[in-house]
């Protein structure tokens, strides 16, 4: 579980953070995902394979770590040699897309639970 959580955590930061930070991201994500697996015993959640704990929590930890350790937008713009302004969201604001995706997945799961 910890290896998968580490891979999920480093995915938003790929290309933005140094290679060595993958170990730190993985450690944080593994610990947080391991703690999140205990939620299925507290809440009435049917998560037999710990998919939520690994992917949602690991992805959230990865997004937070990427936001804290990524270079500034100005550095990103200078290093990527962007010609048009249309490429800025793809190169420099990519982690925000991950946060939006994680949020929409969480809201989808919440709405499915409430509609049961």
Foldseek 3Di string as FASTA:
>chain_A
DLVLLLVLLCVLQVPFADPVCSVVLSVVSSVQLVVVVCVVVVDVDDDPPSPCSRNLSSNVSSLVVNVVGGDDLVVQCVVVVDDDPVCSCVRPVSSVVSVVVSVVVVVVVVVVVVVD
